[in-house]
Structure formats: C-alpha cells, structure tokens
Amino acid sequence: MATHSKTDRHYVVAFDICSSTAMLDQLTKSDRMHLWALMLRALHDHLVLGRNLFRLELHKFTGDGWLLFFPETMEGDAVFDFLGGLARHHLRLHQGTIEPALLKPPTIVGLTFGMDAGALARVKMDGRMEYVGWPLNMACRLQGAIKDFDKTPNGRVLMTRELYEKKKGTLERFQPSVVFRRLRGIQNDKLIACVKLALDVAIDPKFKCDENLVAATNS
C-alpha cells in the first residue's frame, strides 16, 4: 500500500560506471567479481562522507551507480566539486583494483552523470520511502544520453539547459557547452538542447592505492 507524504526540492544526480558490462564480463570469467564488490563498497563509503557533510541522500543503487539527492539550497559548484571528487576517487579505485585484473582494459573508464533539479514527492511503499517526480526521470534520461555523439563521456555531466541558466554563474569553470540529445520518452524523442559540463578528474600520478585493496587484487 502506498501513502503520500510531503514534497521536497532537490538536485537529482544519476551516475553510472563507464564500460561496466565489459569489465564485469571479464571479472566473472576470471572469478574475480569480489574486486568489483570491493570497489563499489569503497565508492559507497565516499558517498557516505557526502551524506554526512552535505545532507546528500543516497536514494537508490542501480547496479553500476547510484541516484543521489542534494538539497537544492546547495550552490551548484559545491555539488560539482563533490561529483569531481567522486569521479577522481573512482578512477583511483579502478587503477588500483580493477584494471590490474583485466586482460583487455576498456578505453573509456570513469563515471558519467545526469542532473536536474526540482520538486520530488515522497511516497511510502511497503514501508520503504520512494520518490517520484520529473527531475528524477530527467536525470536518468540525461545520464543515459550523455554517451551519444561523444567519444570521451567519462567525467562529464549532462544537465537541462533550464537548470544551467539558473545556476550558470557558479558553473562557468566547468567548461559548459550546449549539445543536443534525444531523451527517451521526452518530447516525443525530439532533439533537446542540454548543457554538458566537464568535471576536474585529474588525479595525482603518485597516488598509491590502499594496501588492503591491493592485497585483495592480488588474491
């Protein structure tokens, strides 16, 4: 049974891991799926830090990513700085745990993001709090479309043009560019103007992975 609750306003971010299908296939065949689980657990720990610092809500795990909610009162660049840190953390984890276990590492590695903002209604279903609303649908569609016509989608955020116009004063340093994408089920699949932004994903070349993760990789 579903019961309705109040409406809240959030930034909604959907993200997933590039080339996850190809990597999971290789790890399954080599019986090293535990490495993927270790990486996901480490990513989750990083997200928990964001939950404590920014009232970030980890809404749902999607298999190779999460749906995240940030308070709409946060500045847009603060959200992007957090996402950049998340993307860098993932690259470190990938280099230290996943890449050494792959016979054929993929050429595209990283995270891709879709983002919108607005009102979400809380709905309690079978004791679990769920959310419904246009921004949730849009963030997922944007994330799914970011790879279209883009050979290097990793570390990129695709957002609605309307959201960018509201927040552009804080987002200019993220190299915004207008792109056109078809978003499944949105406006009869017509091309829609969106804005693509680039996160800072450069990582320290001297970085050394956590010793426990390295030991797990070699096991």
Protein backbone atom coordinates (compact mmCIF):
# COMPACT_ATOMS: atom_id res chain seq x y z
CA MET A 1 0.00 0.00 0.00
CA ALA A 2 1.30 3.46 -0.94
CA THR A 3 0.88 6.54 1.21
CA HIS A 4 1.78 10.08 0.15
CA SER A 5 4.00 12.40 2.15
CA LYS A 6 5.38 15.89 1.61
CA THR A 7 7.17 17.32 -1.42
CA ASP A 8 10.85 18.28 -1.24
CA ARG A 9 13.15 20.11 -3.65
CA HIS A 10 16.47 18.53 -4.63
CA TYR A 11 19.25 18.39 -7.12
CA VAL A 12 18.89 14.91 -8.60
CA VAL A 13 22.05 13.22 -9.92
CA ALA A 14 22.14 9.87 -11.69
CA PHE A 15 25.54 8.34 -12.36
CA ASP A 16 27.00 5.07 -13.54
CA ILE A 17 30.32 3.45 -14.37
CA CYS A 18 31.53 3.52 -17.97
CA SER A 19 32.25 0.16 -19.63
CA SER A 20 30.87 -1.74 -16.64
CA THR A 21 29.35 -4.52 -18.77
CA ALA A 22 32.66 -5.35 -20.46
CA MET A 23 34.59 -5.24 -17.19
CA LEU A 24 32.04 -7.35 -15.33
CA ASP A 25 32.19 -9.95 -18.09
CA GLN A 26 35.96 -10.26 -17.74
CA LEU A 27 35.87 -10.35 -13.94
CA THR A 28 33.16 -13.02 -13.98
CA LYS A 29 35.15 -15.23 -16.34
CA SER A 30 38.28 -14.88 -14.19
CA ASP A 31 36.32 -15.46 -10.96
CA ARG A 32 37.32 -12.07 -9.55
CA MET A 33 33.94 -10.46 -9.03
CA HIS A 34 34.91 -9.76 -5.43
CA LEU A 35 37.07 -6.91 -6.76
CA TRP A 36 34.01 -5.20 -8.21
CA ALA A 37 32.26 -5.54 -4.89
CA LEU A 38 35.27 -4.02 -3.12
CA MET A 39 35.26 -1.06 -5.48
CA LEU A 40 31.53 -0.47 -5.04
CA ARG A 41 31.88 -0.65 -1.27
CA ALA A 42 34.68 1.93 -1.36
CA LEU A 43 32.58 4.21 -3.58
CA HIS A 44 29.69 3.83 -1.15
CA ASP A 45 31.96 4.82 1.75
CA HIS A 46 32.87 8.00 -0.15
CA LEU A 47 29.20 8.77 -0.71
CA VAL A 48 28.51 8.31 2.99
CA LEU A 49 31.03 11.08 3.68
CA GLY A 50 28.98 13.32 1.40
CA ARG A 51 25.84 12.34 3.24
CA ASN A 52 27.40 13.50 6.50
CA LEU A 53 28.82 16.75 5.08
CA PHE A 54 26.13 17.92 2.65
CA ARG A 55 22.94 16.12 3.66
CA LEU A 56 23.38 14.09 0.50
CA GLU A 57 20.82 11.30 0.22
CA LEU A 58 21.80 8.01 -1.37
CA HIS A 59 18.42 7.20 -2.83
CA LYS A 60 18.99 4.04 -4.82
CA PHE A 61 21.76 1.72 -6.01
CA THR A 62 21.25 0.91 -9.69
CA GLY A 63 23.76 -1.92 -10.22
CA ASP A 64 26.63 0.19 -11.53
CA GLY A 65 25.82 3.56 -9.99
CA TRP A 66 23.51 5.49 -7.69
CA LEU A 67 20.74 8.02 -7.68
CA LEU A 68 21.76 10.91 -5.43
CA PHE A 69 19.74 13.78 -3.98
CA PHE A 70 21.38 17.02 -2.84
CA PRO A 71 19.50 19.85 -1.09
CA GLU A 72 18.56 22.47 -3.68
CA THR A 73 19.84 25.09 -1.25
CA MET A 74 23.43 24.00 -2.02
CA GLU A 75 25.41 26.06 -4.50
CA GLY A 76 25.73 24.34 -7.87
CA ASP A 77 29.52 24.47 -7.87
CA ALA A 78 29.63 22.74 -4.47
CA VAL A 79 27.66 19.85 -5.95
CA PHE A 80 30.02 19.72 -8.93
CA ASP A 81 33.10 19.80 -6.72
CA PHE A 82 31.74 16.82 -4.80
CA LEU A 83 30.99 14.94 -8.03
CA GLY A 84 34.51 15.69 -9.28
CA GLY A 85 35.94 14.24 -6.08
CA LEU A 86 33.73 11.18 -6.51
CA ALA A 87 34.92 10.72 -10.11
CA ARG A 88 38.58 11.01 -9.07
CA HIS A 89 38.03 8.53 -6.24
CA HIS A 90 36.53 6.06 -8.69
CA LEU A 91 39.49 6.40 -11.07
CA ARG A 92 41.91 5.71 -8.21
CA LEU A 93 39.93 2.65 -7.21
CA HIS A 94 39.77 1.45 -10.80
CA GLN A 95 43.51 1.82 -11.32
CA GLY A 96 44.33 0.11 -8.05
CA THR A 97 41.83 -2.77 -8.05
CA ILE A 98 40.00 -3.37 -11.32
CA GLU A 99 42.46 -2.53 -14.10
CA PRO A 100 45.22 -4.94 -12.94
CA ALA A 101 42.70 -7.81 -13.10
CA LEU A 102 41.58 -7.15 -16.70
CA LEU A 103 43.12 -8.82 -19.72
CA LYS A 104 41.63 -6.16 -22.01
CA PRO A 105 41.11 -2.89 -20.10
CA PRO A 106 38.44 -0.68 -21.74
CA THR A 107 39.45 2.55 -23.45
CA ILE A 108 36.69 4.54 -21.72
CA VAL A 109 36.87 4.49 -17.93
CA GLY A 110 35.16 6.74 -15.41
CA LEU A 111 31.76 7.98 -14.30
CA THR A 112 29.04 9.73 -16.29
CA PHE A 113 26.39 11.94 -14.71
CA GLY A 114 22.92 13.27 -15.49
CA MET A 115 21.48 16.11 -13.42
CA ASP A 116 18.25 18.03 -12.97
CA ALA A 117 16.56 19.79 -10.05
CA GLY A 118 13.07 20.44 -8.74
CA ALA A 119 10.25 19.05 -6.66
CA LEU A 120 10.03 15.38 -5.72
CA ALA A 121 7.10 13.80 -3.91
CA ARG A 122 7.79 11.26 -1.20
CA VAL A 123 5.70 8.11 -1.46
CA LYS A 124 5.88 5.33 1.12
CA MET A 125 5.53 1.89 -0.46
CA ASP A 126 5.59 -1.27 1.65
CA GLY A 127 7.45 0.51 4.41
CA ARG A 128 10.08 2.00 2.08
CA MET A 129 10.30 5.70 1.17
CA GLU A 130 10.37 6.27 -2.59
CA TYR A 131 10.40 9.46 -4.64
CA VAL A 132 8.58 10.39 -7.82
CA GLY A 133 8.87 13.48 -9.97
CA TRP A 134 10.00 14.95 -13.26
CA PRO A 135 13.59 15.76 -12.15
CA LEU A 136 14.18 12.10 -11.29
CA ASN A 137 13.10 10.97 -14.75
CA MET A 138 15.13 13.70 -16.44
CA ALA A 139 18.35 12.97 -14.53
CA CYS A 140 18.17 9.30 -15.55
CA ARG A 141 17.42 10.15 -19.19
CA LEU A 142 20.26 12.69 -19.30
CA GLN A 143 22.74 10.24 -17.86
CA GLY A 144 21.67 7.64 -20.39
CA ALA A 145 22.12 10.05 -23.30
CA ILE A 146 25.46 11.59 -22.36
CA LYS A 147 27.43 8.99 -24.34
CA ASP A 148 25.60 9.78 -27.59
CA PHE A 149 27.90 11.51 -30.10
CA ASP A 150 30.67 11.67 -27.50
CA LYS A 151 33.86 9.62 -27.63
CA THR A 152 35.00 10.77 -24.16
CA PRO A 153 31.90 10.94 -21.96
CA ASN A 154 33.73 10.00 -18.76
CA GLY A 155 33.86 12.75 -16.18
CA ARG A 156 31.05 14.65 -17.89
CA VAL A 157 27.73 15.92 -16.54
CA LEU A 158 24.71 16.44 -18.77
CA MET A 159 22.07 18.75 -17.36
CA THR A 160 18.96 20.52 -18.57
CA ARG A 161 19.50 23.90 -20.16
CA GLU A 162 16.92 25.39 -17.80
CA LEU A 163 18.88 24.30 -14.75
CA TYR A 164 22.13 25.59 -16.21
CA GLU A 165 20.62 29.02 -16.89
CA LYS A 166 19.57 29.24 -13.23
CA LYS A 167 22.98 28.21 -11.90
CA LYS A 168 25.43 29.26 -14.61
CA GLY A 169 27.03 31.97 -12.51
CA THR A 170 28.64 29.25 -10.37
CA LEU A 171 29.33 26.75 -13.16
CA GLU A 172 31.37 28.66 -15.75
CA ARG A 173 34.64 26.99 -14.69
CA PHE A 174 33.29 23.57 -15.73
CA GLN A 175 33.61 24.24 -19.48
CA PRO A 176 29.90 24.32 -20.34
CA SER A 177 28.84 23.60 -23.90
CA VAL A 178 25.37 23.32 -25.45
CA VAL A 179 24.70 19.91 -27.00
CA PHE A 180 21.60 18.29 -28.46
CA ARG A 181 20.36 14.90 -27.32
CA ARG A 182 17.31 12.71 -27.75
CA LEU A 183 15.98 11.77 -24.32
CA ARG A 184 13.94 8.59 -24.38
CA GLY A 185 10.26 9.32 -23.82
CA ILE A 186 10.79 13.10 -23.51
CA GLN A 187 9.14 15.45 -26.04
CA ASN A 188 8.48 12.61 -28.48
CA ASP A 189 12.20 11.81 -28.64
CA LYS A 190 12.98 15.11 -30.39
CA LEU A 191 16.45 16.63 -30.10
CA ILE A 192 16.60 18.75 -26.95
CA ALA A 193 19.18 21.40 -26.08
CA CYS A 194 21.15 20.35 -22.98
CA VAL A 195 24.36 21.57 -21.38
CA LYS A 196 27.42 19.35 -20.95
CA LEU A 197 30.00 20.20 -18.31
CA ALA A 198 33.40 18.72 -17.52
CA LEU A 199 34.44 17.76 -14.00
CA ASP A 200 38.01 18.02 -12.77
CA VAL A 201 39.02 14.35 -12.86
CA ALA A 202 42.82 14.72 -12.95
CA ILE A 203 44.37 12.54 -10.25
CA ASP A 204 47.78 12.60 -8.63
CA PRO A 205 50.11 10.35 -10.70
CA LYS A 206 51.95 9.47 -7.48
CA PHE A 207 48.77 8.06 -5.94
CA LYS A 208 49.13 4.62 -4.37
CA CYS A 209 46.06 2.51 -3.76
CA ASP A 210 45.11 1.37 -0.26
CA GLU A 211 47.24 -1.65 0.70
CA ASN A 212 44.18 -3.71 1.66
CA LEU A 213 42.68 -3.21 -1.80
CA VAL A 214 45.97 -4.09 -3.47
CA ALA A 215 46.16 -7.29 -1.42
CA ALA A 216 42.62 -8.18 -2.48
CA THR A 217 43.52 -7.55 -6.11
CA ASN A 218 46.43 -9.96 -5.92
CA SER A 219 44.44 -12.67 -4.17
